Structure formats: C-alpha cells, structure tokens
N, C-alpha and C. Protein backbone atom coordinates (compact mmCIF):
# COMPACT_ATOMS: atom_id res chain seq x y z
N UNK A 1 20.67 10.23 22.48
CA UNK A 1 19.50 9.50 22.13
C UNK A 1 18.73 9.14 23.38
N UNK A 2 17.40 9.14 23.20
CA UNK A 2 16.56 8.88 24.33
C UNK A 2 16.48 7.35 24.57
N UNK A 3 16.07 6.91 25.76
CA UNK A 3 16.04 5.49 26.07
C UNK A 3 14.83 4.85 25.44
N UNK A 4 13.70 5.59 25.26
CA UNK A 4 12.52 5.06 24.63
C UNK A 4 12.48 5.45 23.22
N UNK A 5 12.11 4.53 22.35
CA UNK A 5 12.14 4.76 20.92
C UNK A 5 10.65 4.50 20.34
N UNK A 6 10.17 5.43 19.57
CA UNK A 6 8.85 5.15 18.93
C UNK A 6 8.95 4.19 17.76
N UNK A 7 7.91 3.33 17.63
CA UNK A 7 7.84 2.38 16.50
C UNK A 7 6.80 3.01 15.50
N UNK A 8 7.14 2.90 14.25
CA UNK A 8 6.18 3.36 13.23
C UNK A 8 5.93 2.23 12.29
N UNK A 9 4.61 2.04 12.08
CA UNK A 9 4.15 1.00 11.08
C UNK A 9 3.72 1.82 9.86
N UNK A 10 4.29 1.54 8.72
CA UNK A 10 4.02 2.24 7.47
C UNK A 10 2.96 1.46 6.63
N UNK A 11 1.87 2.10 6.40
CA UNK A 11 0.87 1.51 5.44
C UNK A 11 0.80 2.24 4.10
N UNK A 12 1.97 2.86 3.79
CA UNK A 12 1.96 3.64 2.57
C UNK A 12 1.90 2.83 1.32
N UNK A 13 2.04 1.53 1.42
CA UNK A 13 2.04 0.66 0.28
C UNK A 13 0.65 0.08 0.00
N UNK A 14 -0.28 0.37 0.86
CA UNK A 14 -1.63 -0.24 0.78
C UNK A 14 -2.65 0.74 0.19
N UNK A 15 -3.75 0.17 -0.33
CA UNK A 15 -4.81 1.02 -0.90
C UNK A 15 -5.63 1.71 0.16
N UNK A 16 -6.80 2.21 -0.28
CA UNK A 16 -7.59 2.93 0.60
C UNK A 16 -8.18 2.10 1.80
N UNK A 17 -8.35 0.83 1.55
CA UNK A 17 -8.81 -0.06 2.58
C UNK A 17 -7.65 -0.96 3.00
N UNK A 18 -6.86 -0.52 4.01
CA UNK A 18 -5.62 -1.29 4.33
C UNK A 18 -6.00 -2.74 4.75
N UNK A 19 -5.38 -3.70 4.10
CA UNK A 19 -5.73 -5.05 4.35
C UNK A 19 -5.40 -5.52 5.76
N UNK A 20 -4.33 -4.97 6.31
CA UNK A 20 -3.90 -5.43 7.64
C UNK A 20 -4.78 -4.84 8.75
N UNK A 21 -5.58 -3.80 8.41
CA UNK A 21 -6.56 -3.20 9.37
C UNK A 21 -7.88 -4.01 9.28
N UNK A 22 -8.14 -4.65 8.16
CA UNK A 22 -9.40 -5.39 7.96
C UNK A 22 -9.23 -6.89 7.93
N UNK A 23 -8.10 -7.40 7.47
CA UNK A 23 -7.86 -8.84 7.40
C UNK A 23 -7.75 -9.34 8.83
N UNK A 24 -8.37 -10.50 9.07
CA UNK A 24 -8.45 -11.03 10.44
C UNK A 24 -7.56 -12.27 10.68
N UNK A 25 -7.08 -12.34 11.88
CA UNK A 25 -6.26 -13.50 12.29
C UNK A 25 -6.74 -13.84 13.69
N UNK A 26 -7.27 -15.05 13.89
CA UNK A 26 -7.81 -15.48 15.15
C UNK A 26 -8.89 -14.54 15.66
N UNK A 27 -9.75 -14.06 14.69
CA UNK A 27 -10.89 -13.24 15.05
C UNK A 27 -10.50 -11.83 15.43
N UNK A 28 -9.37 -11.36 15.00
CA UNK A 28 -8.91 -10.07 15.37
C UNK A 28 -8.18 -9.47 14.21
N UNK A 29 -8.26 -8.15 13.94
CA UNK A 29 -7.47 -7.57 12.81
C UNK A 29 -6.01 -7.84 12.98
N UNK A 30 -5.32 -8.12 11.91
CA UNK A 30 -3.85 -8.36 11.99
C UNK A 30 -3.13 -7.19 12.57
N UNK A 31 -3.55 -5.99 12.29
CA UNK A 31 -2.93 -4.78 12.85
C UNK A 31 -3.04 -4.74 14.40
N UNK A 32 -4.08 -5.27 14.97
CA UNK A 32 -4.18 -5.39 16.41
C UNK A 32 -3.02 -6.23 16.97
N UNK A 33 -2.83 -7.34 16.35
CA UNK A 33 -1.72 -8.22 16.82
C UNK A 33 -0.38 -7.52 16.74
N UNK A 34 -0.14 -6.93 15.63
CA UNK A 34 1.11 -6.17 15.47
C UNK A 34 1.34 -5.06 16.48
N UNK A 35 0.29 -4.29 16.72
CA UNK A 35 0.38 -3.20 17.69
C UNK A 35 0.66 -3.79 19.13
N UNK A 36 -0.03 -4.84 19.49
CA UNK A 36 0.09 -5.44 20.84
C UNK A 36 1.50 -5.94 21.00
N UNK A 37 2.06 -6.63 19.96
CA UNK A 37 3.43 -7.14 20.07
C UNK A 37 4.47 -5.95 20.17
N UNK A 38 4.25 -4.89 19.42
CA UNK A 38 5.22 -3.83 19.52
C UNK A 38 5.18 -3.16 20.87
N UNK A 39 3.96 -3.02 21.48
CA UNK A 39 3.82 -2.42 22.80
C UNK A 39 4.47 -3.27 23.91
N UNK A 40 4.70 -4.53 23.60
CA UNK A 40 5.35 -5.41 24.56
C UNK A 40 6.91 -5.29 24.49
N UNK A 41 7.40 -4.74 23.49
CA UNK A 41 8.83 -4.63 23.31
C UNK A 41 9.47 -3.59 24.26
N UNK A 42 10.55 -3.97 24.94
CA UNK A 42 11.25 -3.11 25.82
C UNK A 42 11.95 -1.97 25.00
N UNK A 43 11.82 -0.79 25.47
CA UNK A 43 12.53 0.32 24.81
C UNK A 43 11.62 1.02 23.80
N UNK A 44 10.45 0.44 23.46
CA UNK A 44 9.55 1.08 22.51
C UNK A 44 8.57 1.97 23.30
N UNK A 45 8.56 3.23 23.03
CA UNK A 45 7.68 4.17 23.72
C UNK A 45 6.30 4.26 23.15
N UNK A 46 6.17 4.77 21.95
CA UNK A 46 4.90 4.88 21.30
C UNK A 46 4.84 4.08 20.06
N UNK A 47 3.69 3.67 19.58
CA UNK A 47 3.53 3.02 18.30
C UNK A 47 2.62 3.88 17.43
N UNK A 48 3.11 4.32 16.24
CA UNK A 48 2.36 5.18 15.39
C UNK A 48 2.14 4.49 14.08
N UNK A 49 1.03 4.88 13.38
CA UNK A 49 0.78 4.31 12.05
C UNK A 49 0.86 5.44 11.02
N UNK A 50 1.87 5.31 10.12
CA UNK A 50 2.00 6.22 9.01
C UNK A 50 1.08 5.75 7.87
N UNK A 51 0.18 6.56 7.43
CA UNK A 51 -0.78 6.09 6.39
C UNK A 51 -1.10 7.27 5.53
N UNK A 52 -1.78 6.99 4.40
CA UNK A 52 -2.24 8.02 3.50
C UNK A 52 -3.59 8.54 4.08
N UNK A 53 -3.92 9.78 3.82
CA UNK A 53 -5.14 10.39 4.35
C UNK A 53 -6.37 9.67 3.98
N UNK A 54 -6.40 9.05 2.78
CA UNK A 54 -7.59 8.33 2.36
C UNK A 54 -7.75 6.95 2.98
N UNK A 55 -6.86 6.58 3.85
CA UNK A 55 -6.93 5.35 4.62
C UNK A 55 -7.47 5.55 6.03
N UNK A 56 -7.61 6.81 6.45
CA UNK A 56 -7.98 7.06 7.82
C UNK A 56 -9.28 6.51 8.22
N UNK A 57 -10.29 6.51 7.37
CA UNK A 57 -11.65 5.98 7.68
C UNK A 57 -11.50 4.49 8.06
N UNK A 58 -10.65 3.70 7.48
CA UNK A 58 -10.49 2.27 7.84
C UNK A 58 -9.62 2.10 9.09
N UNK A 59 -8.96 3.14 9.53
CA UNK A 59 -8.06 3.05 10.66
C UNK A 59 -8.49 3.82 11.92
N UNK A 60 -9.72 4.37 11.85
CA UNK A 60 -10.18 5.22 12.93
C UNK A 60 -9.98 4.63 14.30
N UNK A 61 -10.18 3.40 14.49
CA UNK A 61 -10.13 2.83 15.88
C UNK A 61 -8.69 2.69 16.38
N UNK A 62 -7.70 2.91 15.51
CA UNK A 62 -6.27 2.74 15.93
C UNK A 62 -5.72 4.12 16.37
N UNK A 63 -5.10 4.18 17.50
CA UNK A 63 -4.50 5.45 17.99
C UNK A 63 -3.20 5.74 17.22
N UNK A 64 -2.76 6.97 17.31
CA UNK A 64 -1.45 7.35 16.77
C UNK A 64 -1.33 7.36 15.28
N UNK A 65 -2.33 7.85 14.60
CA UNK A 65 -2.30 7.94 13.12
C UNK A 65 -1.49 9.14 12.69
N UNK A 66 -0.70 9.03 11.61
CA UNK A 66 -0.01 10.13 10.99
C UNK A 66 -0.40 10.05 9.52
N UNK A 67 -1.55 10.66 9.18
CA UNK A 67 -1.99 10.61 7.77
C UNK A 67 -1.23 11.64 6.96
N UNK A 68 -0.89 11.30 5.73
CA UNK A 68 -0.27 12.11 4.72
C UNK A 68 -1.06 12.13 3.46
N UNK A 69 -1.01 13.22 2.70
CA UNK A 69 -1.72 13.23 1.46
C UNK A 69 -1.00 12.23 0.49
N UNK A 70 -1.77 11.44 -0.20
CA UNK A 70 -1.22 10.41 -1.12
C UNK A 70 -0.40 11.16 -2.15
N UNK A 71 0.76 10.65 -2.44
CA UNK A 71 1.66 11.18 -3.38
C UNK A 71 2.09 10.03 -4.38
N UNK A 72 2.40 10.36 -5.62
CA UNK A 72 2.88 9.33 -6.55
C UNK A 72 4.25 8.86 -6.10
N UNK A 73 4.43 7.60 -6.15
CA UNK A 73 5.76 7.00 -5.79
C UNK A 73 6.24 6.11 -6.89
N UNK A 74 6.88 6.63 -7.92
CA UNK A 74 7.33 5.76 -9.03
C UNK A 74 8.28 4.74 -8.55
N UNK A 75 9.12 4.97 -7.54
CA UNK A 75 10.06 3.94 -7.06
C UNK A 75 9.31 2.82 -6.44
N UNK A 76 8.11 3.04 -5.79
CA UNK A 76 7.36 2.03 -5.20
C UNK A 76 6.72 1.14 -6.34
N UNK A 77 6.28 1.81 -7.40
CA UNK A 77 5.75 1.05 -8.52
C UNK A 77 6.78 0.07 -9.11
N UNK A 78 8.02 0.55 -9.19
CA UNK A 78 9.13 -0.24 -9.70
C UNK A 78 9.40 -1.39 -8.79
N UNK A 79 9.36 -1.15 -7.48
CA UNK A 79 9.61 -2.24 -6.54
C UNK A 79 8.49 -3.29 -6.66
N UNK A 80 7.25 -2.81 -6.68
CA UNK A 80 6.12 -3.77 -6.80
C UNK A 80 6.20 -4.57 -8.03
N UNK A 81 6.60 -3.96 -9.16
CA UNK A 81 6.76 -4.70 -10.40
C UNK A 81 7.91 -5.68 -10.30
N UNK A 82 8.99 -5.35 -9.75
CA UNK A 82 10.16 -6.24 -9.63
C UNK A 82 9.80 -7.42 -8.68
N UNK A 83 9.03 -7.19 -7.60
CA UNK A 83 8.63 -8.31 -6.75
C UNK A 83 7.75 -9.29 -7.37
N UNK A 84 6.90 -8.86 -8.31
CA UNK A 84 6.04 -9.78 -8.98
C UNK A 84 6.91 -10.82 -9.80
N UNK A 85 8.02 -10.41 -10.27
CA UNK A 85 8.87 -11.32 -11.02
C UNK A 85 9.84 -12.14 -10.22
N UNK A 86 10.04 -11.80 -8.98
CA UNK A 86 11.07 -12.48 -8.19
C UNK A 86 10.47 -13.57 -7.33
N UNK A 87 9.17 -13.61 -7.08
CA UNK A 87 8.53 -14.64 -6.31
C UNK A 87 9.21 -14.79 -4.93
N UNK A 88 9.54 -13.67 -4.29
CA UNK A 88 10.10 -13.64 -2.95
C UNK A 88 11.59 -13.89 -2.93
N UNK A 89 12.25 -13.99 -4.05
CA UNK A 89 13.68 -14.26 -4.05
C UNK A 89 14.39 -12.97 -3.61
N UNK A 90 15.18 -13.03 -2.52
CA UNK A 90 15.84 -11.92 -2.06
C UNK A 90 17.07 -11.63 -2.96
N UNK A 91 17.27 -10.41 -3.39
CA UNK A 91 18.39 -10.05 -4.20
C UNK A 91 18.01 -10.11 -5.70
N UNK A 92 16.69 -10.17 -5.95
CA UNK A 92 16.25 -10.16 -7.37
C UNK A 92 16.36 -8.83 -8.02
N UNK A 93 15.39 -8.57 -8.88
CA UNK A 93 15.37 -7.22 -9.55
C UNK A 93 15.30 -6.16 -8.53
N UNK A 94 16.07 -5.16 -8.65
CA UNK A 94 16.15 -3.97 -7.72
C UNK A 94 16.48 -4.40 -6.28
N UNK A 95 16.89 -5.67 -6.03
CA UNK A 95 17.12 -6.12 -4.72
C UNK A 95 15.99 -5.88 -3.81
N UNK A 96 14.74 -5.97 -4.30
CA UNK A 96 13.55 -5.66 -3.52
C UNK A 96 13.14 -6.83 -2.69
N UNK A 97 12.68 -6.50 -1.45
CA UNK A 97 12.20 -7.54 -0.52
C UNK A 97 10.84 -7.10 -0.02
N UNK A 98 10.23 -7.96 0.80
CA UNK A 98 8.93 -7.61 1.34
C UNK A 98 8.97 -6.43 2.30
N UNK A 99 10.18 -6.00 2.68
CA UNK A 99 10.30 -4.81 3.58
C UNK A 99 10.33 -3.51 2.88
N UNK A 100 10.45 -3.46 1.52
CA UNK A 100 10.66 -2.31 0.78
C UNK A 100 9.39 -1.54 0.54
N UNK A 101 8.23 -2.22 0.19
CA UNK A 101 7.02 -1.38 -0.05
C UNK A 101 6.67 -0.62 1.19
N UNK A 102 6.24 0.63 1.05
CA UNK A 102 5.80 1.42 2.16
C UNK A 102 6.91 2.26 2.66
N UNK A 103 8.18 2.04 2.33
CA UNK A 103 9.19 2.91 2.81
C UNK A 103 9.30 4.18 2.04
N UNK A 104 9.12 5.25 2.71
CA UNK A 104 9.26 6.57 2.05
C UNK A 104 9.96 7.48 3.03
N UNK A 105 11.24 7.63 2.82
CA UNK A 105 12.13 8.42 3.78
C UNK A 105 11.59 9.71 4.23
N UNK A 106 11.18 10.59 3.28
CA UNK A 106 10.65 11.91 3.73
C UNK A 106 9.44 11.84 4.69
N UNK A 107 8.61 10.85 4.44
CA UNK A 107 7.44 10.68 5.35
C UNK A 107 7.86 10.28 6.76
N UNK A 108 8.85 9.32 6.72
CA UNK A 108 9.37 8.88 8.06
C UNK A 108 10.06 10.01 8.82
N UNK A 109 10.79 10.84 8.07
CA UNK A 109 11.46 12.01 8.73
C UNK A 109 10.42 12.99 9.29
N UNK A 110 9.34 13.16 8.52
CA UNK A 110 8.28 14.03 9.01
C UNK A 110 7.63 13.46 10.32
N UNK A 111 7.41 12.18 10.35
CA UNK A 111 6.81 11.54 11.54
C UNK A 111 7.79 11.68 12.70
N UNK A 112 9.07 11.50 12.45
CA UNK A 112 10.09 11.62 13.52
C UNK A 112 10.08 13.05 14.03
N UNK A 113 9.98 13.99 13.17
CA UNK A 113 9.93 15.41 13.57
C UNK A 113 8.72 15.66 14.52
N UNK A 114 7.51 15.17 14.10
CA UNK A 114 6.36 15.36 14.91
C UNK A 114 6.39 14.66 16.24
N UNK A 115 7.09 13.52 16.25
CA UNK A 115 7.25 12.73 17.49
C UNK A 115 8.41 13.20 18.31
N UNK A 116 9.13 14.19 17.76
CA UNK A 116 10.38 14.71 18.41
C UNK A 116 11.34 13.53 18.79
N UNK A 117 11.52 12.69 17.83
CA UNK A 117 12.33 11.44 18.03
C UNK A 117 13.58 11.60 17.21
N UNK A 118 14.70 11.11 17.78
CA UNK A 118 15.96 11.08 17.03
C UNK A 118 16.28 9.66 16.51
N UNK A 119 15.42 8.70 16.85
CA UNK A 119 15.54 7.33 16.32
C UNK A 119 14.13 6.74 16.32
N UNK A 120 13.94 5.62 15.53
CA UNK A 120 12.70 4.94 15.49
C UNK A 120 12.91 3.54 15.07
N UNK A 121 11.89 2.72 15.32
CA UNK A 121 11.89 1.31 14.90
C UNK A 121 10.86 1.22 13.78
C-alpha cells in the first residue's frame, strides 16, 4: 500500500443542488471547510468529490470531481426511510446511521480505479 491515501467525499445522497456546496458556515460553503480540513490530514494525498453528473454545475469551483450518471438506489431509499423513523438513534431500523447515505460501493471502486489507489479515506 502507498503511504499517501486519497480521500473521497461522496455526494451521492444529495439532490441536483448539493446543500454542502451551497450551504454556508462562517461565510464560506461547508464543503470548503471539509476540503480544507482533509487536506491538512497527514497521509491524505488527494481529495476527490464523488457526485452525480447532474450536480456538476453546482460543484464547478471544486477540483477533483468524479461525476457519475445518476442511478436508482433502492437501498438508499430504504436507508433514508428508516432514518426518518429513528431520529438519529444508532442501531435502529436497518442499523442506519448518518454515514450510510451516499455509500455506493461500485462507485467508490470505480473512483479508486481512476485514482490508481488501493486504499482510501
């Protein structure tokens, strides 16, 4: 394994206008804060954003985009529905947490292949 590891931020759970790209914190988009903090981490080489192709217009200013064609994700719909009922309770329906939306294994594997990475954060 290489010493430097790429970090991938997945926006696959957001709509066409990603809220973290437009929502502001201290007069700056939330995504700017996240990218800056990741770049400060030791061992992180590149930071990439995995997104749907219809989100690219809202993310143009951010480097390292990996757009994918939007695909139906029934498992994501089930996770979102279960989270509405759990009110943040970890271990609720489907054992879903705030980290589950946006996870799509095949898309992460494709990004790893393009980055020629054998590990990622």
